[in-house]
N, C-alpha and C. Protein backbone atom coordinates (compact mmCIF):
# COMPACT_ATOMS: atom_id res chain seq x y z
N UNK A 1 1.73 -5.42 -3.54
CA UNK A 1 1.03 -5.36 -2.45
C UNK A 1 1.32 -6.82 -1.57
N UNK A 2 1.13 -6.62 -0.40
CA UNK A 2 1.24 -7.83 0.41
C UNK A 2 0.19 -7.85 1.52
N UNK A 3 -0.19 -9.04 1.82
CA UNK A 3 -1.21 -9.06 2.97
C UNK A 3 -0.45 -9.94 3.82
N UNK A 4 -0.90 -9.76 5.15
CA UNK A 4 -0.43 -10.37 6.15
C UNK A 4 -1.23 -10.99 7.21
N UNK A 5 -1.42 -12.12 7.54
CA UNK A 5 -2.28 -12.51 8.81
C UNK A 5 -1.66 -13.11 9.76
N UNK A 6 -2.07 -13.30 11.06
CA UNK A 6 -3.62 -13.03 11.35
C UNK A 6 -3.65 -11.64 11.60
N UNK A 7 -2.90 -10.81 11.85
CA UNK A 7 -2.92 -9.47 11.89
C UNK A 7 -2.41 -8.83 10.66
N UNK A 8 -3.48 -8.56 9.69
CA UNK A 8 -3.36 -8.30 8.39
C UNK A 8 -2.70 -7.24 7.89
N UNK A 9 -1.71 -7.09 7.05
CA UNK A 9 -0.98 -5.96 6.54
C UNK A 9 -1.11 -6.04 5.12
N UNK A 10 -1.34 -5.06 4.33
CA UNK A 10 -1.30 -4.97 3.02
C UNK A 10 -0.24 -3.90 2.49
N UNK A 11 0.67 -4.53 1.74
CA UNK A 11 1.69 -3.59 1.13
C UNK A 11 1.50 -3.88 -0.46
N UNK A 12 1.38 -2.60 -1.04
CA UNK A 12 1.21 -2.57 -2.34
C UNK A 12 2.64 -2.07 -3.03
N UNK A 13 3.19 -2.77 -4.02
CA UNK A 13 4.34 -2.60 -4.40
C UNK A 13 4.49 -3.38 -5.89
N UNK A 14 4.54 -2.63 -7.00
CA UNK A 14 4.66 -3.04 -8.33
C UNK A 14 5.70 -2.72 -9.13
N UNK A 15 6.67 -2.40 -8.44
CA UNK A 15 7.92 -1.94 -9.16
C UNK A 15 8.24 -0.58 -8.74
N UNK A 16 8.06 0.47 -9.35
CA UNK A 16 8.17 1.73 -8.75
C UNK A 16 9.53 2.08 -8.83
N UNK A 17 9.85 3.01 -8.02
CA UNK A 17 11.20 3.47 -7.49
C UNK A 17 11.87 2.44 -6.79
N UNK A 18 13.30 2.56 -6.67
CA UNK A 18 13.98 1.72 -5.89
C UNK A 18 13.67 2.04 -4.14
N UNK A 19 13.76 3.60 -3.93
CA UNK A 19 13.45 3.65 -2.52
C UNK A 19 12.04 3.03 -2.08
N UNK A 20 11.09 3.24 -2.98
CA UNK A 20 9.74 2.72 -2.65
C UNK A 20 9.65 1.22 -2.49
N UNK A 21 10.60 0.47 -3.41
CA UNK A 21 10.73 -0.86 -3.23
C UNK A 21 11.43 -1.40 -2.14
N UNK A 22 12.37 -0.56 -1.62
CA UNK A 22 13.00 -0.96 -0.65
C UNK A 22 12.14 -1.04 0.60
N UNK A 23 11.39 0.18 0.68
CA UNK A 23 10.32 0.25 1.85
C UNK A 23 9.33 -0.91 1.95
N UNK A 24 8.82 -1.15 0.75
CA UNK A 24 7.98 -2.33 0.56
C UNK A 24 8.65 -3.65 1.07
N UNK A 25 9.84 -4.07 0.45
CA UNK A 25 10.72 -5.15 1.01
C UNK A 25 11.04 -5.36 2.45
N UNK A 26 11.28 -4.13 2.93
CA UNK A 26 11.73 -3.90 4.41
C UNK A 26 10.41 -4.25 5.36
N UNK A 27 9.29 -3.59 4.94
CA UNK A 27 8.09 -3.89 5.79
C UNK A 27 7.59 -5.17 5.62
N UNK A 28 7.62 -5.74 4.36
CA UNK A 28 7.34 -7.38 4.21
C UNK A 28 8.06 -8.33 4.94
N UNK A 29 9.46 -7.92 5.14
CA UNK A 29 10.54 -8.71 6.10
C UNK A 29 10.10 -8.64 7.56
N UNK A 30 9.70 -7.47 7.90
CA UNK A 30 9.42 -7.24 9.40
C UNK A 30 8.22 -7.87 9.71
N UNK A 31 7.23 -7.87 8.76
CA UNK A 31 6.14 -8.39 9.07
C UNK A 31 6.12 -10.04 9.00
N UNK A 32 7.10 -10.51 8.25
CA UNK A 32 7.09 -12.04 8.25
C UNK A 32 7.80 -12.33 9.56
N UNK A 33 8.74 -11.65 9.92
CA UNK A 33 9.54 -11.99 11.18
C UNK A 33 8.58 -11.78 12.49
N UNK A 34 7.57 -11.32 12.45
CA UNK A 34 6.55 -11.26 13.34
C UNK A 34 5.59 -12.38 13.30
N UNK A 35 5.71 -13.54 12.54
CA UNK A 35 4.91 -14.54 12.35
C UNK A 35 3.71 -14.20 11.71
N UNK A 36 3.78 -13.31 10.79
CA UNK A 36 2.68 -12.95 9.74
C UNK A 36 2.55 -13.83 8.38
N UNK A 37 1.57 -13.85 7.81
CA UNK A 37 1.57 -14.52 6.48
C UNK A 37 1.72 -13.46 5.29
N UNK A 38 2.52 -13.45 4.57
CA UNK A 38 2.66 -12.35 3.56
C UNK A 38 2.22 -12.77 2.06
N UNK A 39 1.63 -12.12 1.56
CA UNK A 39 0.90 -12.59 0.13
C UNK A 39 1.27 -11.23 -0.82
N UNK A 40 2.20 -11.29 -1.73
CA UNK A 40 2.49 -10.02 -2.66
C UNK A 40 1.25 -9.90 -3.63
N UNK A 41 0.94 -8.69 -3.88
CA UNK A 41 0.00 -8.17 -4.80
C UNK A 41 0.47 -7.04 -5.81
N UNK A 42 0.45 -7.33 -6.90
CA UNK A 42 1.02 -6.13 -7.83
C UNK A 42 0.03 -5.22 -8.42
N UNK A 43 -1.14 -5.39 -8.23
CA UNK A 43 -2.09 -4.64 -8.87
C UNK A 43 -3.11 -4.04 -8.12
N UNK A 44 -3.58 -2.81 -8.26
CA UNK A 44 -4.58 -2.13 -7.47
C UNK A 44 -5.99 -2.84 -7.52
N UNK A 45 -6.23 -3.55 -8.42
CA UNK A 45 -7.50 -4.30 -8.40
C UNK A 45 -7.45 -5.38 -7.37
N UNK A 46 -6.33 -6.02 -7.23
CA UNK A 46 -6.06 -7.01 -6.32
C UNK A 46 -6.21 -6.44 -4.85
N UNK A 47 -5.48 -5.26 -4.69
CA UNK A 47 -5.42 -4.79 -3.52
C UNK A 47 -6.89 -4.46 -2.89
N UNK A 48 -7.63 -3.83 -4.02
CA UNK A 48 -9.19 -3.50 -3.42
C UNK A 48 -9.92 -4.63 -3.03
N UNK A 49 -9.58 -5.80 -3.71
CA UNK A 49 -10.37 -7.09 -3.52
C UNK A 49 -9.93 -7.54 -1.86
N UNK A 50 -8.57 -7.47 -1.70
CA UNK A 50 -8.17 -7.82 -0.41
C UNK A 50 -8.55 -6.99 0.64
N UNK A 51 -8.60 -5.52 0.41
CA UNK A 51 -9.18 -4.67 1.36
C UNK A 51 -10.66 -5.14 1.83
N UNK A 52 -11.62 -5.50 0.94
CA UNK A 52 -12.58 -5.77 1.10
C UNK A 52 -13.06 -7.09 1.75
N UNK A 53 -12.06 -8.23 1.19
CA UNK A 53 -12.18 -9.47 1.93
C UNK A 53 -11.67 -9.68 3.16
N UNK A 54 -10.33 -9.04 3.33
CA UNK A 54 -9.61 -9.55 4.61
C UNK A 54 -9.49 -8.42 5.43
N UNK A 55 -10.01 -7.05 5.23
CA UNK A 55 -9.95 -6.13 6.17
C UNK A 55 -8.51 -6.19 6.95
N UNK A 56 -7.61 -5.64 6.33
CA UNK A 56 -6.19 -5.63 6.67
C UNK A 56 -5.94 -4.37 7.76
N UNK A 57 -4.92 -4.40 8.53
CA UNK A 57 -4.63 -3.44 9.76
C UNK A 57 -3.87 -2.33 9.09
N UNK A 58 -3.28 -2.41 7.86
CA UNK A 58 -2.34 -1.49 7.40
C UNK A 58 -2.00 -1.65 5.79
N UNK A 59 -1.75 -0.76 5.19
CA UNK A 59 -1.54 -0.54 3.65
C UNK A 59 -0.30 0.01 3.44
N UNK A 60 0.55 -0.33 2.82
CA UNK A 60 1.83 0.42 2.45
C UNK A 60 1.73 0.18 0.92
N UNK A 61 1.57 1.47 0.34
CA UNK A 61 1.16 1.63 -1.03
C UNK A 61 2.20 2.35 -1.89
N UNK A 62 2.77 1.57 -2.94
CA UNK A 62 3.82 2.04 -3.78
C UNK A 62 2.83 2.53 -4.84
N UNK A 63 3.19 3.79 -5.45
CA UNK A 63 2.19 4.46 -6.25
C UNK A 63 2.42 4.04 -7.79
N UNK A 64 3.65 3.32 -8.06
CA UNK A 64 3.81 2.73 -9.34
C UNK A 64 3.07 1.32 -9.59
N UNK A 65 1.97 1.51 -9.71
CA UNK A 65 0.93 0.49 -9.96
C UNK A 65 0.71 0.31 -11.50
N UNK A 66 0.72 -0.93 -12.09
CA UNK A 66 0.36 -1.06 -13.55
C UNK A 66 -0.90 -0.73 -14.13
N UNK A 67 -2.03 -1.25 -13.08
CA UNK A 67 -3.23 -0.90 -13.44
C UNK A 67 -4.14 0.30 -13.40
N UNK A 68 -3.77 0.87 -12.26
CA UNK A 68 -4.46 2.20 -11.99
C UNK A 68 -3.36 3.00 -11.37
N UNK A 69 -3.36 4.35 -11.57
CA UNK A 69 -2.71 5.39 -11.13
C UNK A 69 -2.79 5.14 -9.44
N UNK A 70 -1.41 5.22 -8.85
CA UNK A 70 -1.35 5.11 -7.36
C UNK A 70 -2.51 5.92 -6.49
N UNK A 71 -2.62 7.39 -6.88
CA UNK A 71 -3.36 8.29 -6.23
C UNK A 71 -4.67 7.93 -6.25
N UNK A 72 -5.07 7.41 -7.65
CA UNK A 72 -6.51 6.98 -7.77
C UNK A 72 -6.82 5.65 -6.95
N UNK A 73 -5.88 4.83 -6.81
CA UNK A 73 -5.99 3.53 -6.10
C UNK A 73 -6.10 3.87 -4.69
N UNK A 74 -5.51 4.95 -4.03
CA UNK A 74 -5.60 5.35 -2.81
C UNK A 74 -6.84 5.96 -2.45
N UNK A 75 -7.47 6.62 -3.42
CA UNK A 75 -8.97 7.19 -3.26
C UNK A 75 -9.93 6.11 -3.38
N UNK A 76 -9.76 5.30 -4.19
CA UNK A 76 -10.78 3.90 -4.10
C UNK A 76 -10.47 3.24 -2.92
N UNK A 77 -9.34 3.01 -2.46
CA UNK A 77 -9.12 2.33 -1.08
C UNK A 77 -9.86 3.01 0.13
N UNK A 78 -9.80 4.27 0.14
CA UNK A 78 -10.59 4.95 0.98
C UNK A 78 -12.14 4.61 1.12
N UNK A 79 -12.60 4.38 -0.24
CA UNK A 79 -14.19 4.13 -0.17
C UNK A 79 -14.51 2.84 0.30
N UNK A 80 -13.61 2.00 0.66
CA UNK A 80 -13.94 0.73 1.07
C UNK A 80 -13.35 0.31 2.39
N UNK A 81 -12.49 1.29 2.79
CA UNK A 81 -11.86 0.77 4.20
C UNK A 81 -11.06 2.05 4.83
N UNK A 82 -11.25 2.08 6.20
CA UNK A 82 -10.55 3.05 7.02
C UNK A 82 -9.18 2.69 7.55
N UNK A 83 -8.65 1.77 6.80
CA UNK A 83 -7.28 1.19 7.26
C UNK A 83 -6.21 2.40 7.02
N UNK A 84 -5.27 2.29 7.95
CA UNK A 84 -4.14 3.32 7.64
C UNK A 84 -3.34 3.03 6.45
N UNK A 85 -2.97 4.04 5.55
CA UNK A 85 -2.28 3.87 4.47
C UNK A 85 -0.94 4.72 4.46
N UNK A 86 0.07 4.00 4.27
CA UNK A 86 1.35 4.75 4.25
C UNK A 86 1.91 4.67 2.74
N UNK A 87 2.28 5.62 2.12
CA UNK A 87 2.57 5.75 0.85
C UNK A 87 4.05 5.71 0.58
N UNK A 88 4.56 4.78 -0.24
CA UNK A 88 5.97 4.57 -0.54
C UNK A 88 6.13 5.20 -1.76
N UNK A 89 6.89 6.48 -1.89
CA UNK A 89 6.95 7.09 -3.11
C UNK A 89 8.37 7.70 -3.28
N UNK A 90 8.87 8.07 -4.33
CA UNK A 90 9.86 8.96 -4.76
C UNK A 90 9.50 10.57 -4.99
N UNK A 91 8.37 10.67 -5.01
CA UNK A 91 7.82 12.07 -5.23
C UNK A 91 8.29 12.79 -4.09
N UNK A 92 8.76 14.02 -4.04
CA UNK A 92 9.33 14.69 -3.09
C UNK A 92 8.61 16.44 -3.06
N UNK A 93 8.05 16.58 -4.27
CA UNK A 93 7.23 18.03 -4.05
C UNK A 93 6.32 17.99 -3.03
N UNK A 94 6.36 19.11 -2.34
CA UNK A 94 5.43 19.45 -1.38
C UNK A 94 3.97 19.35 -1.86
N UNK A 95 3.88 19.79 -3.06
CA UNK A 95 2.35 19.76 -3.81
C UNK A 95 2.01 18.42 -3.62
N UNK A 96 2.84 17.26 -4.37
CA UNK A 96 2.56 16.07 -4.38
C UNK A 96 2.13 15.38 -3.20
N UNK A 97 2.98 15.61 -2.13
CA UNK A 97 2.73 15.18 -0.81
C UNK A 97 1.45 15.58 -0.23
N UNK A 98 1.17 16.88 -0.38
CA UNK A 98 -0.11 17.38 0.20
C UNK A 98 -1.25 16.73 -0.48
N UNK A 99 -1.05 16.49 -1.90
CA UNK A 99 -2.25 15.79 -2.68
C UNK A 99 -2.49 14.52 -2.33
N UNK A 100 -1.44 13.71 -1.91
CA UNK A 100 -1.52 12.44 -1.53
C UNK A 100 -2.20 12.26 -0.08
N UNK A 101 -1.86 13.20 0.96
CA UNK A 101 -2.49 13.18 2.05
C UNK A 101 -3.89 13.64 2.04
N UNK A 102 -4.29 14.53 1.12
CA UNK A 102 -5.60 14.92 0.76
C UNK A 102 -6.55 13.82 0.34
N UNK A 103 -5.68 13.01 -0.55
CA UNK A 103 -6.39 11.80 -1.15
C UNK A 103 -6.74 10.56 -0.21
N UNK A 104 -6.10 10.66 1.00
CA UNK A 104 -6.38 9.78 2.06
C UNK A 104 -5.13 9.02 2.78
N UNK A 105 -3.95 9.43 2.23
CA UNK A 105 -2.80 8.75 2.71
C UNK A 105 -2.44 9.11 4.25
N UNK A 106 -2.12 8.47 5.04
CA UNK A 106 -1.98 8.73 6.50
C UNK A 106 -0.49 9.04 6.79
N UNK A 107 0.60 8.68 5.92
CA UNK A 107 1.82 9.18 5.80
C UNK A 107 2.46 8.78 4.66
């Protein structure tokens, strides 16, 4: 997970698949180029703290979190913030994607 200020962005990535990691790395690089401050966060508990403390503008969530299942983390995020959430995942089944959108993902 990465936070960016002053226009805060949160990117969550704890490993997971290579494509998801590439999405997270690319997003973080683009945010840094825009004069943001990037803070990597690797656990859902840290992400939830940042969501409540810093009120970010965006979350990019890699579902491969070590402490909490990514879908559960997404549901928890939705209880504390209305921030847009983009899920970076290698999951490709339509059922998985629908489940993530139902859990609160925006894309």
